[in-house]
Amino acid sequence: MSKSVCGAICGVLFLTGCTGVGGTNSDGHLANLSDNLVALAAPNQDLNTVRINPVDGCYEYRHVGPVETTYLPLRAHAGNPLCSRPPE
């Protein structure tokens, strides 16, 4: 396994033990993100609009595009999704 993939997997597993969120704001977005999550997240993602998808437990952020606004998976530098729990 390459070092970046291994590091990303370890980071996601580390996040599963973190509670680093302090509730949600009025929009349903997480009010406070842990420093670890912020460090793992790739650039150019709106970290002010992050929420947890209740179906898979992965973080997602609101992306405002030229045609529509939608939620996309929050991704690490290696491109893998960041989740609050391991896949089932």
PDB file of N, CA and C in Angstrom:
ATOM      1  N   MET A   1       0.841  -1.174   0.000  1.00  0.00           N
ATOM      2  CA  MET A   1       0.000   0.000   0.000  1.00  0.00           C
ATOM      3  C   MET A   1       0.890   1.242   0.000  1.00  0.00           C
ATOM      4  N   SER A   2       0.532   2.212  -0.755  1.00  0.00           N
ATOM      5  CA  SER A   2       1.354   3.417  -0.784  1.00  0.00           C
ATOM      6  C   SER A   2       1.204   4.173   0.526  1.00  0.00           C
ATOM      7  N   LYS A   3       2.192   5.010   0.824  1.00  0.00           N
ATOM      8  CA  LYS A   3       2.196   5.743   2.089  1.00  0.00           C
ATOM      9  C   LYS A   3       1.001   6.688   2.202  1.00  0.00           C
ATOM     10  N   SER A   4       0.614   7.333   1.097  1.00  0.00           N
ATOM     11  CA  SER A   4      -0.492   8.291   1.172  1.00  0.00           C
ATOM     12  C   SER A   4      -1.825   7.588   1.427  1.00  0.00           C
ATOM     13  N   VAL A   5      -2.035   6.437   0.810  1.00  0.00           N
ATOM     14  CA  VAL A   5      -3.273   5.697   1.032  1.00  0.00           C
ATOM     15  C   VAL A   5      -3.305   5.173   2.462  1.00  0.00           C
ATOM     16  N   CYS A   6      -2.187   4.648   2.919  1.00  0.00           N
ATOM     17  CA  CYS A   6      -2.107   4.130   4.290  1.00  0.00           C
ATOM     18  C   CYS A   6      -2.340   5.263   5.289  1.00  0.00           C
ATOM     19  N   GLY A   7      -1.737   6.410   5.028  1.00  0.00           N
ATOM     20  CA  GLY A   7      -1.924   7.555   5.919  1.00  0.00           C
ATOM     21  C   GLY A   7      -3.366   8.029   5.938  1.00  0.00           C
ATOM     22  N   ALA A   8      -4.009   8.032   4.789  1.00  0.00           N
ATOM     23  CA  ALA A   8      -5.405   8.468   4.715  1.00  0.00           C
ATOM     24  C   ALA A   8      -6.312   7.497   5.458  1.00  0.00           C
ATOM     25  N   ILE A   9      -6.051   6.198   5.300  1.00  0.00           N
ATOM     26  CA  ILE A   9      -6.863   5.204   6.005  1.00  0.00           C
ATOM     27  C   ILE A   9      -6.675   5.336   7.511  1.00  0.00           C
ATOM     28  N   CYS A  10      -5.435   5.516   7.931  1.00  0.00           N
ATOM     29  CA  CYS A  10      -5.172   5.697   9.369  1.00  0.00           C
ATOM     30  C   CYS A  10      -5.859   6.959   9.885  1.00  0.00           C
ATOM     31  N   GLY A  11      -5.846   8.007   9.073  1.00  0.00           N
ATOM     32  CA  GLY A  11      -6.508   9.243   9.480  1.00  0.00           C
ATOM     33  C   GLY A  11      -7.998   9.068   9.641  1.00  0.00           C
ATOM     34  N   VAL A  12      -8.621   8.353   8.726  1.00  0.00           N
ATOM     35  CA  VAL A  12     -10.062   8.114   8.816  1.00  0.00           C
ATOM     36  C   VAL A  12     -10.373   7.275  10.048  1.00  0.00           C
ATOM     37  N   LEU A  13      -9.562   6.251  10.293  1.00  0.00           N
ATOM     38  CA  LEU A  13      -9.783   5.434  11.487  1.00  0.00           C
ATOM     39  C   LEU A  13      -9.580   6.247  12.756  1.00  0.00           C
ATOM     40  N   PHE A  14      -8.617   7.168  12.725  1.00  0.00           N
ATOM     41  CA  PHE A  14      -8.407   8.041  13.870  1.00  0.00           C
ATOM     42  C   PHE A  14      -9.629   8.916  14.113  1.00  0.00           C
ATOM     43  N   LEU A  15     -10.230   9.397  13.035  1.00  0.00           N
ATOM     44  CA  LEU A  15     -11.410  10.256  13.167  1.00  0.00           C
ATOM     45  C   LEU A  15     -12.595   9.526  13.763  1.00  0.00           C
ATOM     46  N   THR A  16     -12.662   8.213  13.598  1.00  0.00           N
ATOM     47  CA  THR A  16     -13.803   7.478  14.132  1.00  0.00           C
ATOM     48  C   THR A  16     -13.839   7.556  15.644  1.00  0.00           C
ATOM     49  N   GLY A  17     -12.694   7.775  16.270  1.00  0.00           N
ATOM     50  CA  GLY A  17     -12.649   7.899  17.720  1.00  0.00           C
ATOM     51  C   GLY A  17     -12.793   9.326  18.200  1.00  0.00           C
ATOM     52  N   CYS A  18     -12.818  10.274  17.303  1.00  0.00           N
ATOM     53  CA  CYS A  18     -12.921  11.682  17.682  1.00  0.00           C
ATOM     54  C   CYS A  18     -14.377  12.087  17.823  1.00  0.00           C
ATOM     55  N   THR A  19     -14.625  12.849  18.838  1.00  0.00           N
ATOM     56  CA  THR A  19     -15.962  13.411  18.986  1.00  0.00           C
ATOM     57  C   THR A  19     -15.967  14.864  18.583  1.00  0.00           C
ATOM     58  N   GLY A  20     -14.868  15.414  18.104  1.00  0.00           N
ATOM     59  CA  GLY A  20     -14.575  16.801  17.871  1.00  0.00           C
ATOM     60  C   GLY A  20     -15.626  17.675  17.249  1.00  0.00           C
ATOM     61  N   VAL A  21     -16.883  17.405  17.414  1.00  0.00           N
ATOM     62  CA  VAL A  21     -17.905  18.290  16.899  1.00  0.00           C
ATOM     63  C   VAL A  21     -18.725  18.802  18.069  1.00  0.00           C
ATOM     64  N   GLY A  22     -19.052  20.061  18.031  1.00  0.00           N
ATOM     65  CA  GLY A  22     -19.747  20.671  19.148  1.00  0.00           C
ATOM     66  C   GLY A  22     -21.186  20.994  18.828  1.00  0.00           C
ATOM     67  N   GLY A  23     -21.905  20.097  18.232  1.00  0.00           N
ATOM     68  CA  GLY A  23     -23.296  20.342  17.905  1.00  0.00           C
ATOM     69  C   GLY A  23     -23.445  20.964  16.539  1.00  0.00           C
ATOM     70  N   THR A  24     -24.675  21.348  16.230  1.00  0.00           N
ATOM     71  CA  THR A  24     -24.952  21.925  14.927  1.00  0.00           C
ATOM     72  C   THR A  24     -25.483  23.341  15.085  1.00  0.00           C
ATOM     73  N   ASN A  25     -25.339  24.123  14.035  1.00  0.00           N
ATOM     74  CA  ASN A  25     -25.897  25.473  14.052  1.00  0.00           C
ATOM     75  C   ASN A  25     -27.316  25.444  13.483  1.00  0.00           C
ATOM     76  N   SER A  26     -27.906  26.589  13.261  1.00  0.00           N
ATOM     77  CA  SER A  26     -29.303  26.653  12.814  1.00  0.00           C
ATOM     78  C   SER A  26     -29.524  26.057  11.427  1.00  0.00           C
ATOM     79  N   ASP A  27     -28.466  25.971  10.607  1.00  0.00           N
ATOM     80  CA  ASP A  27     -28.572  25.391   9.265  1.00  0.00           C
ATOM     81  C   ASP A  27     -28.378  23.876   9.257  1.00  0.00           C
ATOM     82  N   GLY A  28     -28.064  23.285  10.411  1.00  0.00           N
ATOM     83  CA  GLY A  28     -27.811  21.855  10.479  1.00  0.00           C
ATOM     84  C   GLY A  28     -26.368  21.479  10.202  1.00  0.00           C
ATOM     85  N   HIS A  29     -25.515  22.481  10.030  1.00  0.00           N
ATOM     86  CA  HIS A  29     -24.090  22.227   9.799  1.00  0.00           C
ATOM     87  C   HIS A  29     -23.389  22.119  11.143  1.00  0.00           C
ATOM     88  N   LEU A  30     -22.291  21.382  11.167  1.00  0.00           N
ATOM     89  CA  LEU A  30     -21.525  21.219  12.395  1.00  0.00           C
ATOM     90  C   LEU A  30     -20.959  22.565  12.821  1.00  0.00           C
ATOM     91  N   ALA A  31     -21.139  22.897  14.092  1.00  0.00           N
ATOM     92  CA  ALA A  31     -20.698  24.190  14.594  1.00  0.00           C
ATOM     93  C   ALA A  31     -19.183  24.253  14.749  1.00  0.00           C
ATOM     94  N   ASN A  32     -18.568  23.178  15.205  1.00  0.00           N
ATOM     95  CA  ASN A  32     -17.118  23.149  15.426  1.00  0.00           C
ATOM     96  C   ASN A  32     -16.542  21.862  14.870  1.00  0.00           C
ATOM     97  N   LEU A  33     -15.536  21.995  14.027  1.00  0.00           N
ATOM     98  CA  LEU A  33     -14.847  20.823  13.495  1.00  0.00           C
ATOM     99  C   LEU A  33     -13.565  20.613  14.290  1.00  0.00           C
ATOM    100  N   SER A  34     -13.210  19.352  14.497  1.00  0.00           N
ATOM    101  CA  SER A  34     -11.972  19.062  15.216  1.00  0.00           C
ATOM    102  C   SER A  34     -10.777  19.517  14.375  1.00  0.00           C
ATOM    103  N   ASP A  35      -9.692  19.845  15.057  1.00  0.00           N
ATOM    104  CA  ASP A  35      -8.475  20.253  14.361  1.00  0.00           C
ATOM    105  C   ASP A  35      -7.966  19.128  13.469  1.00  0.00           C
ATOM    106  N   ASN A  36      -8.161  17.877  13.897  1.00  0.00           N
ATOM    107  CA  ASN A  36      -7.712  16.733  13.099  1.00  0.00           C
ATOM    108  C   ASN A  36      -8.474  16.646  11.782  1.00  0.00           C
ATOM    109  N   LEU A  37      -9.776  16.879  11.832  1.00  0.00           N
ATOM    110  CA  LEU A  37     -10.580  16.831  10.617  1.00  0.00           C
ATOM    111  C   LEU A  37     -10.177  17.946   9.662  1.00  0.00           C
ATOM    112  N   VAL A  38      -9.970  19.128  10.185  1.00  0.00           N
ATOM    113  CA  VAL A  38      -9.556  20.263   9.357  1.00  0.00           C
ATOM    114  C   VAL A  38      -8.207  19.977   8.703  1.00  0.00           C
ATOM    115  N   ALA A  39      -7.287  19.364   9.439  1.00  0.00           N
ATOM    116  CA  ALA A  39      -5.964  19.053   8.896  1.00  0.00           C
ATOM    117  C   ALA A  39      -6.035  17.990   7.802  1.00  0.00           C
ATOM    118  N   LEU A  40      -6.955  17.030   7.932  1.00  0.00           N
ATOM    119  CA  LEU A  40      -7.071  15.958   6.951  1.00  0.00           C
ATOM    120  C   LEU A  40      -7.805  16.377   5.686  1.00  0.00           C
ATOM    121  N   ALA A  41      -8.676  17.368   5.786  1.00  0.00           N
ATOM    122  CA  ALA A  41      -9.504  17.771   4.643  1.00  0.00           C
ATOM    123  C   ALA A  41      -8.674  18.430   3.553  1.00  0.00           C
ATOM    124  N   ALA A  42      -8.956  18.053   2.321  1.00  0.00           N
ATOM    125  CA  ALA A  42      -8.279  18.648   1.169  1.00  0.00           C
ATOM    126  C   ALA A  42      -8.719  20.101   1.013  1.00  0.00           C
ATOM    127  N   PRO A  43      -7.904  20.915   0.346  1.00  0.00           N
ATOM    128  CA  PRO A  43      -8.276  22.319   0.145  1.00  0.00           C
ATOM    129  C   PRO A  43      -9.464  22.462  -0.809  1.00  0.00           C
ATOM    130  N   ASN A  44      -9.990  23.673  -0.885  1.00  0.00           N
ATOM    131  CA  ASN A  44     -11.086  24.045  -1.780  1.00  0.00           C
ATOM    132  C   ASN A  44     -12.400  23.352  -1.445  1.00  0.00           C
ATOM    133  N   GLN A  45     -12.620  23.078  -0.165  1.00  0.00           N
ATOM    134  CA  GLN A  45     -13.896  22.549   0.312  1.00  0.00           C
ATOM    135  C   GLN A  45     -14.395  23.508   1.389  1.00  0.00           C
ATOM    136  N   ASP A  46     -15.669  23.789   1.412  1.00  0.00           N
ATOM    137  CA  ASP A  46     -16.229  24.748   2.357  1.00  0.00           C
ATOM    138  C   ASP A  46     -16.401  24.088   3.720  1.00  0.00           C
ATOM    139  N   LEU A  47     -15.465  24.325   4.626  1.00  0.00           N
ATOM    140  CA  LEU A  47     -15.516  23.705   5.947  1.00  0.00           C
ATOM    141  C   LEU A  47     -16.504  24.406   6.882  1.00  0.00           C
ATOM    142  N   ASN A  48     -17.139  25.470   6.410  1.00  0.00           N
ATOM    143  CA  ASN A  48     -18.168  26.143   7.206  1.00  0.00           C
ATOM    144  C   ASN A  48     -19.542  25.512   7.018  1.00  0.00           C
ATOM    145  N   THR A  49     -19.668  24.600   6.048  1.00  0.00           N
ATOM    146  CA  THR A  49     -20.969  23.995   5.740  1.00  0.00           C
ATOM    147  C   THR A  49     -20.904  22.472   5.798  1.00  0.00           C
ATOM    148  N   VAL A  50     -20.184  21.934   6.780  1.00  0.00           N
ATOM    149  CA  VAL A  50     -20.007  20.489   6.902  1.00  0.00           C
ATOM    150  C   VAL A  50     -21.113  19.896   7.766  1.00  0.00           C
ATOM    151  N   ARG A  51     -21.607  18.749   7.344  1.00  0.00           N
ATOM    152  CA  ARG A  51     -22.575  17.987   8.129  1.00  0.00           C
ATOM    153  C   ARG A  51     -22.224  16.504   7.995  1.00  0.00           C
ATOM    154  N   ILE A  52     -22.831  15.668   8.816  1.00  0.00           N
ATOM    155  CA  ILE A  52     -22.613  14.231   8.736  1.00  0.00           C
ATOM    156  C   ILE A  52     -23.827  13.603   8.068  1.00  0.00           C
ATOM    157  N   ASN A  53     -23.587  12.831   7.026  1.00  0.00           N
ATOM    158  CA  ASN A  53     -24.658  12.119   6.336  1.00  0.00           C
ATOM    159  C   ASN A  53     -25.130  10.994   7.258  1.00  0.00           C
ATOM    160  N   PRO A  54     -26.403  10.984   7.662  1.00  0.00           N
ATOM    161  CA  PRO A  54     -26.881   9.964   8.596  1.00  0.00           C
ATOM    162  C   PRO A  54     -26.907   8.551   8.011  1.00  0.00           C
ATOM    163  N   VAL A  55     -26.893   8.425   6.703  1.00  0.00           N
ATOM    164  CA  VAL A  55     -26.947   7.111   6.063  1.00  0.00           C
ATOM    165  C   VAL A  55     -25.618   6.376   6.196  1.00  0.00           C
ATOM    166  N   ASP A  56     -24.514   7.054   5.842  1.00  0.00           N
ATOM    167  CA  ASP A  56     -23.222   6.374   5.854  1.00  0.00           C
ATOM    168  C   ASP A  56     -22.242   6.895   6.900  1.00  0.00           C
ATOM    169  N   GLY A  57     -22.589   7.962   7.600  1.00  0.00           N
ATOM    170  CA  GLY A  57     -21.717   8.501   8.637  1.00  0.00           C
ATOM    171  C   GLY A  57     -20.542   9.293   8.114  1.00  0.00           C
ATOM    172  N   CYS A  58     -20.545   9.617   6.823  1.00  0.00           N
ATOM    173  CA  CYS A  58     -19.436  10.373   6.236  1.00  0.00           C
ATOM    174  C   CYS A  58     -19.746  11.871   6.271  1.00  0.00           C
ATOM    175  N   TYR A  59     -18.674  12.643   6.372  1.00  0.00           N
ATOM    176  CA  TYR A  59     -18.815  14.096   6.343  1.00  0.00           C
ATOM    177  C   TYR A  59     -19.090  14.532   4.913  1.00  0.00           C
ATOM    178  N   GLU A  60     -19.909  15.563   4.777  1.00  0.00           N
ATOM    179  CA  GLU A  60     -20.169  16.152   3.467  1.00  0.00           C
ATOM    180  C   GLU A  60     -20.273  17.663   3.636  1.00  0.00           C
ATOM    181  N   TYR A  61     -19.969  18.386   2.567  1.00  0.00           N
ATOM    182  CA  TYR A  61     -20.015  19.846   2.610  1.00  0.00           C
ATOM    183  C   TYR A  61     -20.899  20.361   1.486  1.00  0.00           C
ATOM    184  N   ARG A  62     -21.427  21.558   1.685  1.00  0.00           N
ATOM    185  CA  ARG A  62     -22.295  22.160   0.675  1.00  0.00           C
ATOM    186  C   ARG A  62     -21.440  22.814  -0.403  1.00  0.00           C
ATOM    187  N   HIS A  63     -21.657  22.386  -1.642  1.00  0.00           N
ATOM    188  CA  HIS A  63     -20.956  22.942  -2.796  1.00  0.00           C
ATOM    189  C   HIS A  63     -21.949  23.787  -3.592  1.00  0.00           C
ATOM    190  N   VAL A  64     -21.602  25.041  -3.785  1.00  0.00           N
ATOM    191  CA  VAL A  64     -22.448  25.948  -4.563  1.00  0.00           C
ATOM    192  C   VAL A  64     -21.845  26.048  -5.952  1.00  0.00           C
ATOM    193  N   GLY A  65     -22.507  25.412  -6.923  1.00  0.00           N
ATOM    194  CA  GLY A  65     -22.038  25.415  -8.307  1.00  0.00           C
ATOM    195  C   GLY A  65     -22.785  26.438  -9.137  1.00  0.00           C
ATOM    196  N   PRO A  66     -22.436  26.547 -10.418  1.00  0.00           N
ATOM    197  CA  PRO A  66     -23.083  27.527 -11.284  1.00  0.00           C
ATOM    198  C   PRO A  66     -24.542  27.192 -11.587  1.00  0.00           C
ATOM    199  N   VAL A  67     -24.929  25.925 -11.442  1.00  0.00           N
ATOM    200  CA  VAL A  67     -26.286  25.519 -11.777  1.00  0.00           C
ATOM    201  C   VAL A  67     -27.091  25.147 -10.541  1.00  0.00           C
ATOM    202  N   GLU A  68     -26.457  24.436  -9.613  1.00  0.00           N
ATOM    203  CA  GLU A  68     -27.187  23.974  -8.435  1.00  0.00           C
ATOM    204  C   GLU A  68     -26.284  23.942  -7.217  1.00  0.00           C
ATOM    205  N   THR A  69     -26.908  23.863  -6.074  1.00  0.00           N
ATOM    206  CA  THR A  69     -26.209  23.693  -4.811  1.00  0.00           C
ATOM    207  C   THR A  69     -26.483  22.284  -4.326  1.00  0.00           C
ATOM    208  N   THR A  70     -25.425  21.557  -3.978  1.00  0.00           N
ATOM    209  CA  THR A  70     -25.567  20.170  -3.556  1.00  0.00           C
ATOM    210  C   THR A  70     -24.531  19.849  -2.494  1.00  0.00           C
ATOM    211  N   TYR A  71     -24.712  18.741  -1.811  1.00  0.00           N
ATOM    212  CA  TYR A  71     -23.739  18.286  -0.824  1.00  0.00           C
ATOM    213  C   TYR A  71     -22.841  17.235  -1.443  1.00  0.00           C
ATOM    214  N   LEU A  72     -21.535  17.409  -1.248  1.00  0.00           N
ATOM    215  CA  LEU A  72     -20.530  16.495  -1.768  1.00  0.00           C
ATOM    216  C   LEU A  72     -19.748  15.896  -0.601  1.00  0.00           C
ATOM    217  N   PRO A  73     -19.190  14.700  -0.775  1.00  0.00           N
ATOM    218  CA  PRO A  73     -18.396  14.102   0.302  1.00  0.00           C
ATOM    219  C   PRO A  73     -17.165  14.960   0.605  1.00  0.00           C
ATOM    220  N   LEU A  74     -16.895  15.154   1.887  1.00  0.00           N
ATOM    221  CA  LEU A  74     -15.677  15.826   2.308  1.00  0.00           C
ATOM    222  C   LEU A  74     -14.535  14.848   2.084  1.00  0.00           C
ATOM    223  N   ARG A  75     -13.513  15.271   1.387  1.00  0.00           N
ATOM    224  CA  ARG A  75     -12.437  14.360   0.995  1.00  0.00           C
ATOM    225  C   ARG A  75     -11.104  14.772   1.613  1.00  0.00           C
ATOM    226  N   ALA A  76     -10.270  13.762   1.826  1.00  0.00           N
ATOM    227  CA  ALA A  76      -8.913  13.977   2.324  1.00  0.00           C
ATOM    228  C   ALA A  76      -8.011  14.370   1.164  1.00  0.00           C
ATOM    229  N   HIS A  77      -6.776  14.714   1.475  1.00  0.00           N
ATOM    230  CA  HIS A  77      -5.809  15.084   0.441  1.00  0.00           C
ATOM    231  C   HIS A  77      -5.628  13.966  -0.578  1.00  0.00           C
ATOM    232  N   ALA A  78      -5.745  12.712  -0.146  1.00  0.00           N
ATOM    233  CA  ALA A  78      -5.576  11.567  -1.055  1.00  0.00           C
ATOM    234  C   ALA A  78      -6.818  11.303  -1.897  1.00  0.00           C
ATOM    235  N   GLY A  79      -7.924  11.985  -1.601  1.00  0.00           N
ATOM    236  CA  GLY A  79      -9.132  11.827  -2.395  1.00  0.00           C
ATOM    237  C   GLY A  79     -10.190  10.925  -1.780  1.00  0.00           C
ATOM    238  N   ASN A  80      -9.880  10.251  -0.694  1.00  0.00           N
ATOM    239  CA  ASN A  80     -10.866   9.363  -0.078  1.00  0.00           C
ATOM    240  C   ASN A  80     -11.816  10.159   0.816  1.00  0.00           C
ATOM    241  N   PRO A  81     -13.055   9.688   0.970  1.00  0.00           N
ATOM    242  CA  PRO A  81     -14.024  10.399   1.820  1.00  0.00           C
ATOM    243  C   PRO A  81     -13.638  10.294   3.289  1.00  0.00           C
ATOM    244  N   LEU A  82     -13.970  11.323   4.051  1.00  0.00           N
ATOM    245  CA  LEU A  82     -13.730  11.322   5.493  1.00  0.00           C
ATOM    246  C   LEU A  82     -15.034  10.956   6.188  1.00  0.00           C
ATOM    247  N   CYS A  83     -14.975   9.969   7.060  1.00  0.00           N
ATOM    248  CA  CYS A  83     -16.184   9.459   7.709  1.00  0.00           C
ATOM    249  C   CYS A  83     -16.022   9.458   9.217  1.00  0.00           C
ATOM    250  N   SER A  84     -17.138   9.542   9.929  1.00  0.00           N
ATOM    251  CA  SER A  84     -17.117   9.529  11.386  1.00  0.00           C
ATOM    252  C   SER A  84     -17.226   8.129  11.953  1.00  0.00           C
ATOM    253  N   ARG A  85     -17.479   7.140  11.097  1.00  0.00           N
ATOM    254  CA  ARG A  85     -17.523   5.737  11.536  1.00  0.00           C
ATOM    255  C   ARG A  85     -17.051   4.868  10.381  1.00  0.00           C
ATOM    256  N   PRO A  86     -16.544   3.671  10.690  1.00  0.00           N
ATOM    257  CA  PRO A  86     -16.074   2.796   9.611  1.00  0.00           C
ATOM    258  C   PRO A  86     -17.214   2.283   8.758  1.00  0.00           C
ATOM    259  N   PRO A  87     -16.946   1.926   7.493  1.00  0.00           N
ATOM    260  CA  PRO A  87     -18.018   1.398   6.622  1.00  0.00           C
ATOM    261  C   PRO A  87     -18.561   0.085   7.169  1.00  0.00           C
ATOM    262  N   GLU A  88     -19.838  -0.143   6.923  1.00  0.00           N
ATOM    263  CA  GLU A  88     -20.487  -1.369   7.440  1.00  0.00           C
ATOM    264  C   GLU A  88     -20.233  -2.543   6.516  1.00  0.00           C
TER     265      GLU A  88
END
